[in-house]
Protein backbone atom coordinates (compact mmCIF):
# COMPACT_ATOMS: atom_id res chain seq x y z
CA UNK A 1 -5.03 -1.54 -21.72
CA UNK A 2 -3.95 2.09 -21.28
CA UNK A 3 -4.44 2.20 -17.49
CA UNK A 4 -4.27 -0.37 -14.71
CA UNK A 5 -4.37 -0.16 -10.92
CA UNK A 6 -2.64 -2.49 -8.47
CA UNK A 7 -4.31 -2.34 -5.07
CA UNK A 8 -3.67 -4.13 -1.80
CA UNK A 9 -6.96 -5.66 -0.78
CA UNK A 10 -6.56 -6.72 2.84
CA UNK A 11 -4.58 -5.03 5.68
CA UNK A 12 -1.54 -4.13 3.62
CA UNK A 13 1.76 -5.96 3.09
CA UNK A 14 0.25 -8.08 0.30
CA UNK A 15 3.47 -7.91 -1.77
CA UNK A 16 2.00 -5.22 -4.03
CA UNK A 17 5.44 -3.94 -4.94
CA UNK A 18 6.38 -7.22 -6.55
CA UNK A 19 3.19 -7.26 -8.62
CA UNK A 20 3.78 -3.64 -9.65
CA UNK A 21 7.32 -4.60 -10.60
CA UNK A 22 6.05 -7.51 -12.72
CA UNK A 23 3.36 -5.45 -14.47
CA UNK A 24 5.56 -2.37 -14.92
CA UNK A 25 7.36 -4.23 -17.69
CA UNK A 26 4.67 -3.11 -20.16
CA UNK A 27 3.77 0.20 -18.48
CA UNK A 28 5.06 3.63 -19.41
CA UNK A 29 4.18 5.51 -16.22
CA UNK A 30 3.87 4.29 -12.62
CA UNK A 31 1.89 6.45 -10.18
CA UNK A 32 1.62 6.57 -6.39
CA UNK A 33 -1.64 8.31 -5.50
CA UNK A 34 -1.88 8.16 -1.68
CA UNK A 35 0.00 7.41 1.52
CA UNK A 36 3.46 8.52 2.50
CA UNK A 37 6.69 7.05 3.77
CA UNK A 38 4.68 4.86 6.13
CA UNK A 39 4.54 2.50 3.13
CA UNK A 40 7.22 -0.15 2.78
CA UNK A 41 7.36 -1.77 -0.65
CA UNK A 42 10.05 -4.43 -1.09
CA UNK A 43 11.41 -5.79 -4.36
CA UNK A 44 14.08 -8.42 -4.86
CA UNK A 45 15.88 -8.17 -8.18
CA UNK A 46 19.09 -9.91 -9.28
CA UNK A 47 19.78 -11.02 -5.70
CA UNK A 48 19.48 -7.43 -4.48
CA UNK A 49 16.84 -6.10 -2.09
CA UNK A 50 15.21 -2.71 -2.61
CA UNK A 51 12.81 -1.11 -0.12
CA UNK A 52 10.70 1.81 -1.31
CA UNK A 53 8.83 4.17 1.01
CA UNK A 54 7.76 7.02 -1.29
CA UNK A 55 9.16 6.37 -4.75
CA UNK A 56 7.04 4.11 -6.99
CA UNK A 57 8.39 0.58 -7.38
CA UNK A 58 8.68 0.96 -11.16
CA UNK A 59 11.73 3.21 -10.79
CA UNK A 60 13.96 0.12 -11.20
CA UNK A 61 13.04 0.05 -14.89
CA UNK A 62 15.34 2.70 -16.45
CA UNK A 63 12.88 3.67 -19.18
CA UNK A 64 9.79 4.20 -16.98
CA UNK A 65 8.40 7.49 -15.65
CA UNK A 66 7.41 7.51 -11.98
CA UNK A 67 4.98 9.95 -10.40
CA UNK A 68 3.83 11.06 -6.94
CA UNK A 69 0.28 12.42 -7.13
CA UNK A 70 -1.32 15.16 -5.06
CA UNK A 71 -2.78 12.60 -2.65
CA UNK A 72 0.66 11.52 -1.44
CA UNK A 73 2.04 13.20 1.71
CA UNK A 74 5.77 13.78 1.37
CA UNK A 75 8.46 14.06 4.00
CA UNK A 76 10.92 15.92 1.73
CA UNK A 77 13.95 15.05 3.85
CA UNK A 78 13.13 11.34 3.73
CA UNK A 79 12.45 11.55 0.00
CA UNK A 80 15.88 13.09 -0.61
CA UNK A 81 17.48 10.29 1.42
CA UNK A 82 15.59 7.66 -0.58
CA UNK A 83 16.52 9.24 -3.90
CA UNK A 84 20.20 9.58 -2.97
CA UNK A 85 20.32 5.97 -1.77
CA UNK A 86 18.92 4.77 -5.10
CA UNK A 87 21.20 7.08 -7.09
CA UNK A 88 24.18 5.43 -5.40
CA UNK A 89 22.86 2.12 -6.73
CA UNK A 90 22.70 3.44 -10.28
CA UNK A 91 19.07 4.65 -10.46
CA UNK A 92 18.55 7.89 -12.40
CA UNK A 93 15.68 10.33 -11.74
CA UNK A 94 16.35 13.02 -14.32
CA UNK A 95 13.42 13.42 -16.70
CA UNK A 96 11.58 10.40 -15.30
CA UNK A 97 10.37 11.36 -11.83
CA UNK A 98 7.65 13.96 -11.18
CA UNK A 99 5.74 15.28 -8.16
CA UNK A 100 2.44 17.14 -8.06
CA UNK A 101 2.99 20.55 -6.40
CA UNK A 102 -0.29 20.00 -4.53
CA UNK A 103 1.20 17.11 -2.51
CA UNK A 104 1.26 17.91 1.22
CA UNK A 105 4.53 18.21 3.13
CA UNK A 106 5.14 16.13 6.26
CA UNK A 107 6.88 18.43 8.74
CA UNK A 108 8.88 17.47 11.85
CA UNK A 109 5.99 18.71 14.00
CA UNK A 110 3.74 16.09 12.34
CA UNK A 111 6.08 13.33 13.49
CA UNK A 112 6.06 14.83 17.00
CA UNK A 113 2.25 14.97 17.05
CA UNK A 114 2.03 11.39 15.80
CA UNK A 115 4.40 10.13 18.48
CA UNK A 116 2.61 12.00 21.26
CA UNK A 117 -0.78 10.62 20.18
CA UNK A 118 0.52 7.04 20.18
CA UNK A 119 2.16 7.55 23.58
CA UNK A 120 -0.96 9.07 25.16
CA UNK A 121 -2.49 6.36 27.36
CA UNK A 122 -5.87 8.09 27.24
CA UNK A 123 -6.12 7.74 23.45
CA UNK A 124 -6.93 4.67 21.39
CA UNK A 125 -3.69 3.09 20.20
CA UNK A 126 -3.79 2.78 16.41
CA UNK A 127 -0.29 1.38 16.01
CA UNK A 128 0.93 3.93 13.47
CA UNK A 129 4.48 4.06 12.13
CA UNK A 130 4.87 7.47 13.86
CA UNK A 131 6.01 9.01 10.57
CA UNK A 132 3.58 11.94 10.89
CA UNK A 133 1.26 10.74 8.12
CA UNK A 134 -2.05 11.08 9.99
CA UNK A 135 -1.36 14.57 11.37
CA UNK A 136 -0.22 15.74 7.93
CA UNK A 137 -3.44 14.53 6.29
CA UNK A 138 -5.45 16.11 9.13
CA UNK A 139 -3.77 19.47 8.54
CA UNK A 140 -4.42 19.22 4.81
CA UNK A 141 -8.14 18.71 5.49
CA UNK A 142 -8.07 21.56 8.03
CA UNK A 143 -6.65 23.75 5.22
CA UNK A 144 -3.58 24.76 7.17
CA UNK A 145 -1.04 22.43 5.61
CA UNK A 146 2.11 23.15 3.63
CA UNK A 147 2.32 21.80 0.08
CA UNK A 148 5.29 21.04 -2.13
CA UNK A 149 4.54 24.05 -4.30
CA UNK A 150 4.85 26.34 -1.25
CA UNK A 151 8.57 25.68 -0.84
CA UNK A 152 9.65 28.35 -3.35
CA UNK A 153 8.18 31.57 -1.94
CA UNK A 154 9.80 32.50 1.39
CA UNK A 155 7.15 34.97 2.53
CA UNK A 156 4.26 32.66 1.65
CA UNK A 157 5.99 29.64 3.20
CA UNK A 158 6.62 31.61 6.40
CA UNK A 159 2.93 32.55 6.55
CA UNK A 160 1.86 28.94 6.05
CA UNK A 161 4.20 27.74 8.78
CA UNK A 162 3.02 30.43 11.18
CA UNK A 163 -0.59 29.34 10.57
CA UNK A 164 0.16 25.71 11.30
CA UNK A 165 2.18 26.55 14.43
CA UNK A 166 -0.68 28.67 15.79
CA UNK A 167 -3.21 25.97 14.99
CA UNK A 168 -1.25 23.45 17.03
CA UNK A 169 -0.63 26.00 19.79
CA UNK A 170 3.12 25.92 19.38
CA UNK A 171 4.35 29.04 21.16
CA UNK A 172 7.59 29.65 19.33
CA UNK A 173 7.55 30.86 15.74
CA UNK A 174 9.16 28.75 13.00
CA UNK A 175 12.87 29.50 13.07
CA UNK A 176 14.62 31.27 10.22
CA UNK A 177 17.03 28.34 9.94
CA UNK A 178 14.14 25.87 9.50
CA UNK A 179 12.49 28.07 6.89
CA UNK A 180 15.78 28.29 5.03
CA UNK A 181 16.19 24.52 5.28
CA UNK A 182 12.79 24.02 3.64
CA UNK A 183 13.67 26.51 0.92
CA UNK A 184 16.85 24.57 0.16
CA UNK A 185 14.82 21.36 0.02
CA UNK A 186 12.41 23.06 -2.35
CA UNK A 187 15.22 23.87 -4.73
CA UNK A 188 16.22 20.21 -4.70
CA UNK A 189 12.78 19.35 -6.12
CA UNK A 190 12.41 22.34 -8.42
CA UNK A 191 12.93 20.32 -11.60
CA UNK A 192 10.58 17.53 -10.53
CA UNK A 193 7.31 19.41 -9.97
CA UNK A 194 4.64 18.95 -12.61
CA UNK A 195 0.86 19.32 -12.89
CA UNK A 196 0.12 15.61 -12.68
CA UNK A 197 -3.58 15.66 -13.76
CA UNK A 198 -2.67 17.30 -17.06
CA UNK A 199 0.34 15.06 -17.51
CA UNK A 200 -1.53 11.80 -16.89
CA UNK A 201 -4.51 12.67 -19.03
CA UNK A 202 -2.28 13.80 -21.90
CA UNK A 203 -0.31 10.57 -21.66
CA UNK A 204 -3.48 8.48 -21.53
CA UNK A 205 -4.85 10.16 -24.65
CA UNK A 206 -1.51 9.51 -26.37
CA UNK A 207 -1.99 5.78 -25.73
CA UNK A 208 0.61 5.44 -22.98
CA UNK A 209 0.02 2.73 -20.39
CA UNK A 210 -0.39 4.07 -16.85
CA UNK A 211 0.03 1.83 -13.81
CA UNK A 212 -1.32 3.04 -10.45
CA UNK A 213 0.42 1.68 -7.36
CA UNK A 214 -1.59 1.59 -4.14
CA UNK A 215 -0.04 1.76 -0.68
CA UNK A 216 -1.38 0.02 2.44
CA UNK A 217 -4.50 -2.15 2.01
CA UNK A 218 -8.22 -1.64 1.46
CA UNK A 219 -9.14 -2.75 4.98
CA UNK A 220 -7.04 0.20 6.19
CA UNK A 221 -8.96 2.72 4.06
CA UNK A 222 -9.92 5.76 6.14
CA UNK A 223 -13.61 5.32 5.23
CA UNK A 224 -14.15 1.63 4.44
CA UNK A 225 -11.49 0.04 6.64
CA UNK A 226 -11.73 -1.25 10.21
CA UNK A 227 -12.14 2.27 11.60
CA UNK A 228 -10.56 3.74 13.71
CA UNK A 229 -7.69 1.26 13.20
CA UNK A 230 -7.00 2.56 9.71
CA UNK A 231 -4.59 4.73 7.77
CA UNK A 232 -5.42 8.36 6.94
CA UNK A 233 -5.91 8.16 3.18
CA UNK A 234 -8.25 6.69 0.59
CA UNK A 235 -6.65 3.34 -0.23
CA UNK A 236 -9.48 1.94 -2.36
CA UNK A 237 -9.76 2.44 -6.12
CA UNK A 238 -11.78 5.64 -5.68
CA UNK A 239 -8.68 7.16 -4.14
CA UNK A 240 -7.00 7.17 -7.53
CA UNK A 241 -9.29 9.92 -8.80
CA UNK A 242 -8.85 11.88 -5.56
CA UNK A 243 -5.09 11.47 -5.32
CA UNK A 244 -4.04 11.70 -8.95
CA UNK A 245 -6.70 13.84 -10.62
CA UNK A 246 -7.47 11.01 -13.02
CA UNK A 247 -11.08 10.24 -13.88
CA UNK A 248 -12.44 6.89 -12.62
CA UNK A 249 -13.90 6.43 -16.11
CA UNK A 250 -10.35 6.08 -17.39
CA UNK A 251 -9.24 3.33 -15.02
CA UNK A 252 -9.46 0.39 -17.40
CA UNK A 253 -8.39 -2.55 -15.21
CA UNK A 254 -8.07 -3.13 -11.48
CA UNK A 255 -5.79 -5.83 -10.10
CA UNK A 256 -6.51 -6.76 -6.50
CA UNK A 257 -3.53 -8.18 -4.62
CA UNK A 258 -4.28 -10.76 -1.94
CA UNK A 259 -1.91 -12.83 0.14
CA UNK A 260 -2.61 -16.54 0.35
CA UNK A 261 -3.10 -15.84 4.05
CA UNK A 262 -3.78 -12.63 5.98
CA UNK A 263 -1.50 -10.38 8.01
CA UNK A 264 -1.94 -7.21 9.98
CA UNK A 265 0.46 -4.72 11.59
CA UNK A 266 -0.49 -2.59 14.55
CA UNK A 267 -3.69 -2.57 16.56
CA UNK A 268 -7.19 -3.49 15.43
CA UNK A 269 -9.46 -6.53 15.06
CA UNK A 270 -8.27 -9.47 12.97
CA UNK A 271 -10.86 -12.29 12.83
CA UNK A 272 -8.61 -15.08 11.48
CA UNK A 273 -5.51 -14.24 13.54
CA UNK A 274 -3.48 -17.25 14.69
CA UNK A 275 -1.83 -16.62 18.02
CA UNK A 276 -0.24 -20.04 18.06
CA UNK A 277 2.47 -22.20 16.52
CA UNK A 278 0.74 -22.14 13.12
CA UNK A 279 0.76 -18.34 13.10
CA UNK A 280 4.43 -18.38 14.10
CA UNK A 281 5.19 -20.81 11.29
CA UNK A 282 3.49 -18.59 8.70
CA UNK A 283 5.40 -15.58 10.05
CA UNK A 284 8.75 -17.34 9.78
CA UNK A 285 8.16 -18.94 6.37
CA UNK A 286 6.70 -15.73 4.97
CA UNK A 287 9.31 -13.46 6.60
CA UNK A 288 6.47 -11.39 7.96
CA UNK A 289 8.28 -8.41 9.43
CA UNK A 290 7.54 -4.81 8.45
CA UNK A 291 9.69 -3.22 5.74
CA UNK A 292 9.26 0.18 7.38
CA UNK A 293 9.27 -0.67 11.09
CA UNK A 294 10.67 -4.19 11.34
CA UNK A 295 7.70 -5.11 13.53
CA UNK A 296 6.53 -8.74 13.39
CA UNK A 297 3.23 -8.97 11.55
CA UNK A 298 0.20 -10.69 13.00
CA UNK A 299 -0.66 -13.71 10.84
CA UNK A 300 -3.85 -15.66 10.15
CA UNK A 301 -5.79 -17.70 7.62
CA UNK A 302 -7.22 -16.24 4.41
CA UNK A 303 -10.45 -14.32 5.11
CA UNK A 304 -12.77 -14.66 2.12
CA UNK A 305 -15.48 -12.52 3.75
CA UNK A 306 -13.13 -9.54 4.03
CA UNK A 307 -11.60 -10.29 0.63
CA UNK A 308 -14.95 -10.39 -1.13
CA UNK A 309 -15.88 -7.05 0.45
CA UNK A 310 -12.74 -5.36 -0.88
CA UNK A 311 -13.15 -6.96 -4.30
CA UNK A 312 -16.61 -5.36 -4.43
CA UNK A 313 -15.61 -1.93 -3.11
CA UNK A 314 -12.63 -1.69 -5.46
CA UNK A 315 -14.33 -3.17 -8.50
CA UNK A 316 -11.53 -5.73 -8.83
CA UNK A 317 -11.27 -7.21 -12.32
CA UNK A 318 -8.56 -9.79 -11.64
CA UNK A 319 -6.54 -11.09 -8.71
CA UNK A 320 -2.86 -11.49 -8.00
CA UNK A 321 -2.42 -14.15 -5.30
CA UNK A 322 0.90 -13.83 -3.53
CA UNK A 323 3.10 -15.88 -1.16
CA UNK A 324 1.50 -19.19 -2.13
CA UNK A 325 4.88 -20.84 -1.53
CA UNK A 326 4.58 -20.13 2.21
CA UNK A 327 2.04 -22.96 2.50
CA UNK A 328 4.40 -25.66 1.22
CA UNK A 329 4.65 -28.28 3.94
CA UNK A 330 1.23 -27.58 5.49
CA UNK A 331 -1.09 -30.58 5.91
CA UNK A 332 -4.26 -28.49 6.27
CA UNK A 333 -4.98 -24.97 5.01
CA UNK A 334 -8.05 -23.10 6.22
CA UNK A 335 -10.17 -20.40 4.58
CA UNK A 336 -12.72 -18.32 6.47
CA UNK A 337 -15.88 -18.41 4.35
CA UNK A 338 -18.38 -16.73 6.69
CA UNK A 339 -18.68 -15.05 10.09
CA UNK A 340 -20.72 -15.82 13.15
CA UNK A 341 -21.59 -12.68 15.14
CA UNK A 342 -23.81 -12.96 18.22
CA UNK A 343 -24.89 -16.39 17.05
CA UNK A 344 -25.93 -15.18 13.59
CA UNK A 345 -24.15 -16.36 10.41
CA UNK A 346 -23.24 -13.61 7.94
CA UNK A 347 -21.11 -13.17 4.84
CA UNK A 348 -21.02 -9.38 5.22
CA UNK A 349 -17.95 -7.57 6.49
CA UNK A 350 -18.98 -5.48 9.55
CA UNK A 351 -19.04 -1.70 9.27
CA UNK A 352 -17.31 -1.07 12.61
CA UNK A 353 -14.35 -2.41 14.54
CA UNK A 354 -16.39 -3.41 17.57
CA UNK A 355 -18.51 -5.84 15.55
CA UNK A 356 -15.44 -7.09 13.72
CA UNK A 357 -13.78 -7.89 17.05
CA UNK A 358 -16.75 -10.13 17.93
CA UNK A 359 -16.47 -12.29 14.82
CA UNK A 360 -16.20 -16.06 15.12
CA UNK A 361 -14.72 -17.17 11.79
CA UNK A 362 -16.27 -20.20 10.11
CA UNK A 363 -13.70 -22.24 8.20
CA UNK A 364 -13.43 -24.46 5.16
CA UNK A 365 -10.51 -26.90 5.48
CA UNK A 366 -8.49 -27.83 2.41
CA UNK A 367 -5.64 -30.34 2.03
CA UNK A 368 -2.16 -28.86 1.85
CA UNK A 369 0.88 -29.95 -0.15
CA UNK A 370 4.47 -30.86 0.65
CA UNK A 371 6.24 -29.87 -2.58
CA UNK A 372 8.50 -26.83 -2.85
CA UNK A 373 6.82 -24.69 -5.53
CA UNK A 374 9.27 -21.76 -5.68
CA UNK A 375 10.77 -22.99 -8.94
CA UNK A 376 7.47 -23.56 -10.76
CA UNK A 377 6.58 -21.13 -13.56
CA UNK A 378 3.60 -22.92 -15.12
CA UNK A 379 0.19 -23.25 -13.46
CA UNK A 380 -0.33 -26.81 -14.63
CA UNK A 381 2.89 -27.87 -12.90
CA UNK A 382 1.63 -26.85 -9.47
CA UNK A 383 0.64 -29.62 -7.03
CA UNK A 384 -3.00 -30.64 -7.32
CA UNK A 385 -3.83 -29.35 -3.83
CA UNK A 386 -2.22 -25.98 -4.57
CA UNK A 387 -4.41 -25.66 -7.65
CA UNK A 388 -7.44 -26.64 -5.56
CA UNK A 389 -6.62 -23.86 -3.10
CA UNK A 390 -6.30 -21.32 -5.92
CA UNK A 391 -9.55 -22.43 -7.54
CA UNK A 392 -11.40 -22.29 -4.20
CA UNK A 393 -10.29 -18.71 -3.56
CA UNK A 394 -11.23 -17.83 -7.12
CA UNK A 395 -14.72 -19.26 -6.69
CA UNK A 396 -15.28 -17.61 -3.31
CA UNK A 397 -14.34 -14.17 -4.63
CA UNK A 398 -15.88 -14.69 -8.07
CA UNK A 399 -12.83 -13.13 -9.71
CA UNK A 400 -10.16 -14.75 -11.90
CA UNK A 401 -6.72 -15.26 -10.39
CA UNK A 402 -4.39 -14.33 -13.22
CA UNK A 403 -1.10 -13.89 -11.36
CA UNK A 404 0.37 -16.26 -8.77
CA UNK A 405 3.53 -15.39 -6.87
CA UNK A 406 5.63 -18.30 -5.60
CA UNK A 407 8.62 -16.34 -4.30
CA UNK A 408 9.94 -12.81 -3.80
CA UNK A 409 11.92 -12.45 -7.05
CA UNK A 410 10.44 -11.01 -10.22
CA UNK A 411 10.81 -14.30 -12.08
CA UNK A 412 9.04 -16.32 -9.38
CA UNK A 413 5.70 -15.52 -10.94
CA UNK A 414 3.08 -17.63 -12.72
CA UNK A 415 0.84 -15.96 -15.28
CA UNK A 416 -2.35 -17.88 -16.05
CA UNK A 417 -3.29 -17.94 -19.71
CA UNK A 418 -6.95 -18.05 -20.68
CA UNK A 419 -7.92 -16.05 -17.58
């Protein structure tokens, strides 16, 4: 199919980068359409570990084109650091990396505002990465932001910076040295700016395969997530049209990525969270620590109520189930199949965080397995109980599971034929 989207469908950290890396083999163009360097996408390849914050995961394929759409917010200094780090490891960007000039620029003041908001005891703690992502998106909506295409006209850039400083009641004017620094950064990206909507649509019509890479997870979507404990962008499939200028009619296939269990970073309700030895065991076996922050992730059982909601909202066509190997050695594995809220059973995901925090998860218990499955590459070779777990998730979500990840490396992947 000419276009495919890979979307995280829970609270992020679903190992999307690995699935993008696996599927990028047949793609021509890989596109990030939202988020910023608050994302942490990790790939292990040939015994090497790569962590991406802004650059699409497909950059490790030397013949692929990678794109940052207008919906991405870019800290240009961090992007330069990431590019230079990859260049030292042999990755080339010339002629195969493009940025939409409409993409908003994360400024140092955005990081300051983010940090102050998180440190303010009178405000709700969201648990952000303090990278300035939320304030940058807020300024873009307020129409006072700076965009990548503004970094080439000194007078216009100065005017934009003065506007944003006044808006945030910053008394001093932007310094000449800072303006010059941004102009130098702009020159660094001069050869990479491209009108991405035209580019993607031309490529699609030419029969090229486009792969969209989501950041964060659907339950962190600014509209449909567990608000206000969410990110600041549109993470769901509708965000592709907003962030890349690519018609939803042209998105041919949507792959929803789900962990075999659930995790969450930062504050916010988490119905199936395990604050016990089992949660600790999942964290250790799954190496559940943030790629961006290093923070330990909160861990819990698979939540089929939340998962079915995101499958519906995204229009998921098929599922990639990741980190199945983490459950090797478990005697019992639980799946939340419905919620009890105020004594009432429901299979609907609540629309607000307060209701979600009141959920009593109702579980289905399944037998675990003892075998190490990290070396298995064929579905039929999986332990019977592992296959039962996969089939149960598949039935609960009413979507086919076509990709199963049994380890962090590219080759530790099972593709199901006939699905």
